[in-house]
Amino acid sequence: MRSPAYAAALEAAGVPVRFRISPGMLHGYCSTGVVPRANELADQPCEELAELHAPEHTDIPLP
């Protein structure tokens, strides 16, 4: 199943979904360490998860 279809299926099942496409990025860009924007893009889901799990502590900086 392709990612947009998988995201739609999860959403249809009632699962909260945030689906993003990062234009110009290669598959596995987060693990290569050579794409300058990769760290920024990899930080986004970490920040969102931190907010979801500790919304009252959003002022705590992430490592």
C-alpha atoms as a PDB file:
ATOM      1  CA  MET A   1       0.000   0.000   0.000  1.00  0.00           C
ATOM      2  CA  ARG A   2       1.381   3.417  -0.929  1.00  0.00           C
ATOM      3  CA  SER A   3       1.748   6.017   1.790  1.00  0.00           C
ATOM      4  CA  PRO A   4      -1.185   8.302   0.817  1.00  0.00           C
ATOM      5  CA  ALA A   5      -3.504   5.295   0.616  1.00  0.00           C
ATOM      6  CA  TYR A   6      -2.213   3.955   3.927  1.00  0.00           C
ATOM      7  CA  ALA A   7      -2.742   7.331   5.589  1.00  0.00           C
ATOM      8  CA  ALA A   8      -6.280   7.481   4.201  1.00  0.00           C
ATOM      9  CA  ALA A   9      -7.035   3.950   5.438  1.00  0.00           C
ATOM     10  CA  LEU A  10      -5.774   4.783   8.920  1.00  0.00           C
ATOM     11  CA  GLU A  11      -7.797   7.993   8.989  1.00  0.00           C
ATOM     12  CA  ALA A  12     -10.909   6.130   7.820  1.00  0.00           C
ATOM     13  CA  ALA A  13     -10.384   3.722  10.718  1.00  0.00           C
ATOM     14  CA  GLY A  14     -10.363   6.626  13.166  1.00  0.00           C
ATOM     15  CA  VAL A  15      -6.615   6.837  13.691  1.00  0.00           C
ATOM     16  CA  PRO A  16      -5.255  10.394  13.923  1.00  0.00           C
ATOM     17  CA  VAL A  17      -2.948  10.933  10.950  1.00  0.00           C
ATOM     18  CA  ARG A  18      -0.485  13.605   9.889  1.00  0.00           C
ATOM     19  CA  PHE A  19       0.709  12.779   6.403  1.00  0.00           C
ATOM     20  CA  ARG A  20       3.484  14.810   4.808  1.00  0.00           C
ATOM     21  CA  ILE A  21       5.266  14.681   1.505  1.00  0.00           C
ATOM     22  CA  SER A  22       8.738  16.222   1.428  1.00  0.00           C
ATOM     23  CA  PRO A  23       9.341  17.222  -2.200  1.00  0.00           C
ATOM     24  CA  GLY A  24      12.838  16.566  -3.471  1.00  0.00           C
ATOM     25  CA  MET A  25      13.764  14.247  -0.617  1.00  0.00           C
ATOM     26  CA  LEU A  26      14.994  10.718  -1.294  1.00  0.00           C
ATOM     27  CA  HIS A  27      13.560   7.638   0.403  1.00  0.00           C
ATOM     28  CA  GLY A  28      15.465   7.117   3.634  1.00  0.00           C
ATOM     29  CA  TYR A  29      16.807  10.670   3.728  1.00  0.00           C
ATOM     30  CA  CYS A  30      16.624  10.741   7.536  1.00  0.00           C
ATOM     31  CA  SER A  31      19.203   8.004   7.864  1.00  0.00           C
ATOM     32  CA  THR A  32      21.712   9.244   5.292  1.00  0.00           C
ATOM     33  CA  GLY A  33      23.106  12.185   7.248  1.00  0.00           C
ATOM     34  CA  VAL A  34      24.092  13.948   4.017  1.00  0.00           C
ATOM     35  CA  VAL A  35      20.922  15.890   3.210  1.00  0.00           C
ATOM     36  CA  PRO A  36      21.026  19.294   4.947  1.00  0.00           C
ATOM     37  CA  ARG A  37      17.261  19.562   5.422  1.00  0.00           C
ATOM     38  CA  ALA A  38      16.956  15.985   6.721  1.00  0.00           C
ATOM     39  CA  ASN A  39      17.568  16.878  10.377  1.00  0.00           C
ATOM     40  CA  GLU A  40      14.915  19.602  10.282  1.00  0.00           C
ATOM     41  CA  LEU A  41      12.389  17.240   8.714  1.00  0.00           C
ATOM     42  CA  ALA A  42      13.285  14.446  11.142  1.00  0.00           C
ATOM     43  CA  ASP A  43      12.768  16.795  14.107  1.00  0.00           C
ATOM     44  CA  GLN A  44       9.157  17.611  13.146  1.00  0.00           C
ATOM     45  CA  PRO A  45       7.563  14.292  14.159  1.00  0.00           C
ATOM     46  CA  CYS A  46       9.674  14.217  17.332  1.00  0.00           C
ATOM     47  CA  GLU A  47       8.411  17.652  18.332  1.00  0.00           C
ATOM     48  CA  GLU A  48       4.810  16.695  17.555  1.00  0.00           C
ATOM     49  CA  LEU A  49       5.056  13.487  19.578  1.00  0.00           C
ATOM     50  CA  ALA A  50       6.525  15.424  22.505  1.00  0.00           C
ATOM     51  CA  GLU A  51       3.585  17.848  22.362  1.00  0.00           C
ATOM     52  CA  LEU A  52       1.041  15.023  22.175  1.00  0.00           C
ATOM     53  CA  HIS A  53       2.517  13.188  25.143  1.00  0.00           C
ATOM     54  CA  ALA A  54       3.222  16.198  27.350  1.00  0.00           C
ATOM     55  CA  PRO A  55       1.044  19.119  26.201  1.00  0.00           C
ATOM     56  CA  GLU A  56       1.392  20.879  29.546  1.00  0.00           C
ATOM     57  CA  HIS A  57       5.193  20.851  29.190  1.00  0.00           C
ATOM     58  CA  THR A  58       5.650  22.236  25.683  1.00  0.00           C
ATOM     59  CA  ASP A  59       8.187  24.778  26.963  1.00  0.00           C
ATOM     60  CA  ILE A  60      10.714  22.012  27.710  1.00  0.00           C
ATOM     61  CA  PRO A  61      13.422  22.083  24.990  1.00  0.00           C
ATOM     62  CA  LEU A  62      14.042  18.887  23.094  1.00  0.00           C
ATOM     63  CA  PRO A  63      17.605  17.517  23.070  1.00  0.00           C
END
